[in-house]
Structure formats: C-alpha cells, structure tokens
Amino acid sequence: MWPLILTFLRSNAVYITLPVAGVIGFIGYNLENLLSSKYTPYSKSIQENRNERLMEEITSDPLKHERLKLKENVLGRNLSPSLQEK
C-alpha cells in the first residue's frame, strides 16, 4: 500500500505542494497577526537628529564653532614641497 501512495505523491508532487504551501502560509500569516503587535512608535530619522544636533552646536555660540573657523589658507592646502615655506 505504501509504495502505491508514494508513487502517487511522487508523480503528482507539483499539484500537491502548492495547496499545502498555501495553507501553511495562510495559517502562519494569521498567527503572526494574532501574536505580534501592530503598533510601531514614531522615532525621528537619523537626518532629523543630525540636523537638530548641528543646529544646537551652531546656535550655542556661532563664533566658537569649529566649522566656521578658517584654519588655514585655501591656497596653502596642497602646495608642492618646493613651494612650501620652511
């Protein structure tokens, strides 16, 4: 009897596995809806956090902000060794 059942299942595997996979997927989808919470709290994006942090740094004291200070001459950045002052 088992060889007949296995032969039938082997020859019709394509037609059997799709409905079985559909039933298992349907059950899993509904279980996930029942067990998981659907509430996701709002959190600010990384870009919003960065913009706020930068605004706090600049508005605290704009003259002491590192990005606004001119550290060196623009032309003196990439001078060849022969043109650098010693």
N, C-alpha and C. Protein backbone atom coordinates (compact mmCIF):
# COMPACT_ATOMS: atom_id res chain seq x y z
N MET A 1 0.81 -1.19 0.00
CA MET A 1 0.00 0.00 0.00
C MET A 1 0.86 1.27 0.00
N TRP A 2 1.92 1.27 0.83
CA TRP A 2 2.80 2.44 0.89
C TRP A 2 3.49 2.73 -0.44
N PRO A 3 3.94 1.72 -1.16
CA PRO A 3 4.55 2.04 -2.45
C PRO A 3 3.58 2.71 -3.42
N LEU A 4 2.31 2.35 -3.39
CA LEU A 4 1.33 2.98 -4.26
C LEU A 4 1.11 4.45 -3.87
N ILE A 5 1.05 4.71 -2.56
CA ILE A 5 0.85 6.09 -2.08
C ILE A 5 2.06 6.94 -2.44
N LEU A 6 3.26 6.43 -2.22
CA LEU A 6 4.47 7.17 -2.51
C LEU A 6 4.61 7.42 -4.01
N THR A 7 4.25 6.47 -4.83
CA THR A 7 4.30 6.66 -6.28
C THR A 7 3.31 7.74 -6.72
N PHE A 8 2.13 7.71 -6.14
CA PHE A 8 1.13 8.73 -6.46
C PHE A 8 1.62 10.12 -6.03
N LEU A 9 2.18 10.21 -4.82
CA LEU A 9 2.68 11.51 -4.35
C LEU A 9 3.85 12.00 -5.19
N ARG A 10 4.75 11.09 -5.59
CA ARG A 10 5.90 11.47 -6.39
C ARG A 10 5.48 11.97 -7.77
N SER A 11 4.51 11.34 -8.36
CA SER A 11 4.10 11.73 -9.71
C SER A 11 3.24 13.01 -9.69
N ASN A 12 2.57 13.30 -8.60
CA ASN A 12 1.71 14.47 -8.51
C ASN A 12 2.24 15.49 -7.49
N ALA A 13 3.53 15.53 -7.27
CA ALA A 13 4.11 16.42 -6.25
C ALA A 13 3.86 17.89 -6.57
N VAL A 14 3.88 18.24 -7.83
CA VAL A 14 3.66 19.64 -8.22
C VAL A 14 2.26 20.08 -7.83
N TYR A 15 1.29 19.24 -7.99
CA TYR A 15 -0.10 19.60 -7.71
C TYR A 15 -0.44 19.52 -6.23
N ILE A 16 0.38 18.83 -5.47
CA ILE A 16 0.11 18.67 -4.05
C ILE A 16 0.82 19.75 -3.22
N THR A 17 2.03 20.11 -3.60
CA THR A 17 2.81 21.03 -2.76
C THR A 17 2.28 22.46 -2.78
N LEU A 18 1.72 22.93 -3.88
CA LEU A 18 1.21 24.30 -3.92
C LEU A 18 0.05 24.52 -2.95
N PRO A 19 -0.97 23.68 -2.92
CA PRO A 19 -2.04 23.90 -1.94
C PRO A 19 -1.55 23.74 -0.50
N VAL A 20 -0.63 22.82 -0.27
CA VAL A 20 -0.10 22.63 1.09
C VAL A 20 0.68 23.87 1.52
N ALA A 21 1.50 24.40 0.65
CA ALA A 21 2.26 25.61 0.96
C ALA A 21 1.31 26.79 1.18
N GLY A 22 0.24 26.88 0.41
CA GLY A 22 -0.73 27.96 0.59
C GLY A 22 -1.43 27.88 1.93
N VAL A 23 -1.79 26.68 2.34
CA VAL A 23 -2.45 26.51 3.65
C VAL A 23 -1.49 26.86 4.78
N ILE A 24 -0.26 26.40 4.69
CA ILE A 24 0.73 26.71 5.73
C ILE A 24 1.01 28.21 5.78
N GLY A 25 1.10 28.86 4.63
CA GLY A 25 1.32 30.29 4.60
C GLY A 25 0.16 31.07 5.17
N PHE A 26 -1.06 30.65 4.88
CA PHE A 26 -2.25 31.31 5.41
C PHE A 26 -2.31 31.20 6.93
N ILE A 27 -2.01 30.02 7.44
CA ILE A 27 -2.02 29.82 8.89
C ILE A 27 -0.93 30.66 9.55
N GLY A 28 0.26 30.67 8.97
CA GLY A 28 1.35 31.46 9.54
C GLY A 28 1.07 32.94 9.51
N TYR A 29 0.47 33.43 8.44
CA TYR A 29 0.13 34.85 8.33
C TYR A 29 -0.86 35.26 9.42
N ASN A 30 -1.88 34.45 9.62
CA ASN A 30 -2.88 34.77 10.63
C ASN A 30 -2.33 34.63 12.05
N LEU A 31 -1.45 33.67 12.27
CA LEU A 31 -0.82 33.55 13.60
C LEU A 31 0.06 34.76 13.89
N GLU A 32 0.77 35.22 12.89
CA GLU A 32 1.62 36.40 13.08
C GLU A 32 0.78 37.63 13.39
N ASN A 33 -0.37 37.77 12.75
CA ASN A 33 -1.25 38.90 13.04
C ASN A 33 -1.80 38.82 14.46
N LEU A 34 -2.08 37.63 14.93
CA LEU A 34 -2.62 37.48 16.28
C LEU A 34 -1.56 37.71 17.35
N LEU A 35 -0.35 37.27 17.12
CA LEU A 35 0.68 37.29 18.15
C LEU A 35 1.51 38.57 18.18
N SER A 36 1.65 39.25 17.08
CA SER A 36 2.52 40.43 17.05
C SER A 36 1.72 41.70 17.29
N SER A 37 2.42 42.70 17.80
CA SER A 37 1.76 43.99 17.99
C SER A 37 1.88 44.80 16.70
N LYS A 38 0.85 45.54 16.40
CA LYS A 38 0.83 46.30 15.16
C LYS A 38 1.21 47.75 15.38
N TYR A 39 1.56 48.10 16.60
CA TYR A 39 1.91 49.48 16.92
C TYR A 39 3.41 49.67 16.82
N THR A 40 3.82 50.58 15.98
CA THR A 40 5.24 50.92 15.86
C THR A 40 5.39 52.37 16.30
N PRO A 41 6.13 52.62 17.38
CA PRO A 41 6.26 54.00 17.85
C PRO A 41 7.08 54.84 16.87
N TYR A 42 6.76 56.13 16.83
CA TYR A 42 7.45 57.04 15.94
C TYR A 42 8.82 57.37 16.50
N SER A 43 9.81 57.34 15.67
CA SER A 43 11.14 57.80 16.06
C SER A 43 11.67 58.68 14.93
N LYS A 44 12.41 59.70 15.34
CA LYS A 44 12.94 60.63 14.35
C LYS A 44 13.96 59.93 13.46
N SER A 45 14.07 60.42 12.24
CA SER A 45 15.04 59.85 11.33
C SER A 45 16.45 60.30 11.73
N ILE A 46 17.43 59.62 11.22
CA ILE A 46 18.82 59.95 11.52
C ILE A 46 19.15 61.34 11.00
N GLN A 47 18.61 61.69 9.86
CA GLN A 47 18.87 63.01 9.29
C GLN A 47 18.27 64.12 10.16
N GLU A 48 17.07 63.90 10.70
CA GLU A 48 16.47 64.90 11.58
C GLU A 48 17.29 65.06 12.86
N ASN A 49 17.74 63.95 13.44
CA ASN A 49 18.58 64.03 14.63
C ASN A 49 19.88 64.77 14.35
N ARG A 50 20.48 64.51 13.22
CA ARG A 50 21.74 65.17 12.86
C ARG A 50 21.53 66.67 12.68
N ASN A 51 20.45 67.04 11.98
CA ASN A 51 20.17 68.46 11.77
C ASN A 51 19.93 69.19 13.08
N GLU A 52 19.21 68.56 14.00
CA GLU A 52 18.97 69.18 15.31
C GLU A 52 20.27 69.35 16.09
N ARG A 53 21.11 68.33 16.05
CA ARG A 53 22.39 68.40 16.77
C ARG A 53 23.28 69.50 16.21
N LEU A 54 23.33 69.60 14.88
CA LEU A 54 24.13 70.65 14.25
C LEU A 54 23.59 72.04 14.56
N MET A 55 22.28 72.19 14.58
CA MET A 55 21.69 73.49 14.90
C MET A 55 21.98 73.88 16.35
N GLU A 56 21.96 72.91 17.25
CA GLU A 56 22.30 73.20 18.65
C GLU A 56 23.75 73.62 18.78
N GLU A 57 24.63 72.97 18.05
CA GLU A 57 26.05 73.33 18.12
C GLU A 57 26.29 74.73 17.56
N ILE A 58 25.64 75.06 16.47
CA ILE A 58 25.87 76.36 15.83
C ILE A 58 25.21 77.47 16.64
N THR A 59 24.00 77.25 17.14
CA THR A 59 23.29 78.32 17.84
C THR A 59 23.82 78.54 19.25
N SER A 60 24.56 77.59 19.80
CA SER A 60 25.08 77.81 21.15
C SER A 60 26.06 78.98 21.16
N ASP A 61 27.04 78.98 20.30
CA ASP A 61 27.95 80.11 20.13
C ASP A 61 28.56 80.01 18.74
N PRO A 62 28.02 80.75 17.79
CA PRO A 62 28.46 80.60 16.40
C PRO A 62 29.92 80.94 16.18
N LEU A 63 30.49 81.82 16.99
CA LEU A 63 31.88 82.21 16.76
C LEU A 63 32.86 81.15 17.22
N LYS A 64 32.44 80.29 18.12
CA LYS A 64 33.33 79.24 18.62
C LYS A 64 33.15 77.92 17.89
N HIS A 65 32.30 77.91 16.92
CA HIS A 65 32.04 76.67 16.19
C HIS A 65 33.21 76.33 15.29
N GLU A 66 33.66 75.09 15.33
CA GLU A 66 34.85 74.66 14.59
C GLU A 66 34.69 74.77 13.08
N ARG A 67 33.52 74.51 12.59
CA ARG A 67 33.32 74.50 11.14
C ARG A 67 33.36 75.91 10.56
N LEU A 68 33.10 76.90 11.37
CA LEU A 68 33.08 78.26 10.86
C LEU A 68 34.44 78.94 10.93
N LYS A 69 35.37 78.36 11.64
CA LYS A 69 36.70 78.96 11.75
C LYS A 69 37.54 78.62 10.53
N LEU A 70 38.28 79.57 10.05
CA LEU A 70 39.18 79.35 8.93
C LEU A 70 40.52 78.93 9.50
N LYS A 71 40.88 77.69 9.31
CA LYS A 71 42.08 77.16 9.94
C LYS A 71 43.34 77.45 9.15
N GLU A 72 43.25 77.48 7.85
CA GLU A 72 44.43 77.73 7.03
C GLU A 72 44.02 78.37 5.72
N ASN A 73 44.97 78.83 5.02
CA ASN A 73 44.74 79.45 3.74
C ASN A 73 44.30 78.38 2.73
N VAL A 74 43.34 78.72 1.90
CA VAL A 74 42.84 77.77 0.91
C VAL A 74 43.94 77.39 -0.07
N LEU A 75 44.78 78.34 -0.43
CA LEU A 75 45.84 78.05 -1.39
C LEU A 75 46.99 77.28 -0.76
N GLY A 76 47.09 77.27 0.55
CA GLY A 76 48.20 76.59 1.20
C GLY A 76 47.93 75.14 1.53
N ARG A 77 46.82 74.63 1.13
CA ARG A 77 46.49 73.25 1.49
C ARG A 77 47.33 72.23 0.75
N ASN A 78 47.38 72.33 -0.55
CA ASN A 78 48.03 71.31 -1.37
C ASN A 78 49.21 71.89 -2.14
N LEU A 79 50.08 72.54 -1.45
CA LEU A 79 51.26 73.08 -2.12
C LEU A 79 52.31 71.99 -2.28
N SER A 80 52.99 72.06 -3.36
CA SER A 80 54.09 71.11 -3.56
C SER A 80 55.21 71.44 -2.57
N PRO A 81 56.06 70.48 -2.26
CA PRO A 81 57.13 70.72 -1.28
C PRO A 81 58.07 71.86 -1.67
N SER A 82 58.25 72.08 -2.95
CA SER A 82 59.17 73.14 -3.37
C SER A 82 58.58 74.54 -3.11
N LEU A 83 57.27 74.67 -3.03
CA LEU A 83 56.65 75.96 -2.83
C LEU A 83 56.36 76.25 -1.34
N GLN A 84 56.47 75.24 -0.49
CA GLN A 84 56.16 75.45 0.93
C GLN A 84 57.23 76.29 1.60
N GLU A 85 56.81 77.10 2.56
CA GLU A 85 57.76 77.91 3.32
C GLU A 85 58.43 77.04 4.36
N LYS A 86 59.71 77.31 4.57
CA LYS A 86 60.45 76.49 5.55
C LYS A 86 60.72 77.25 6.79
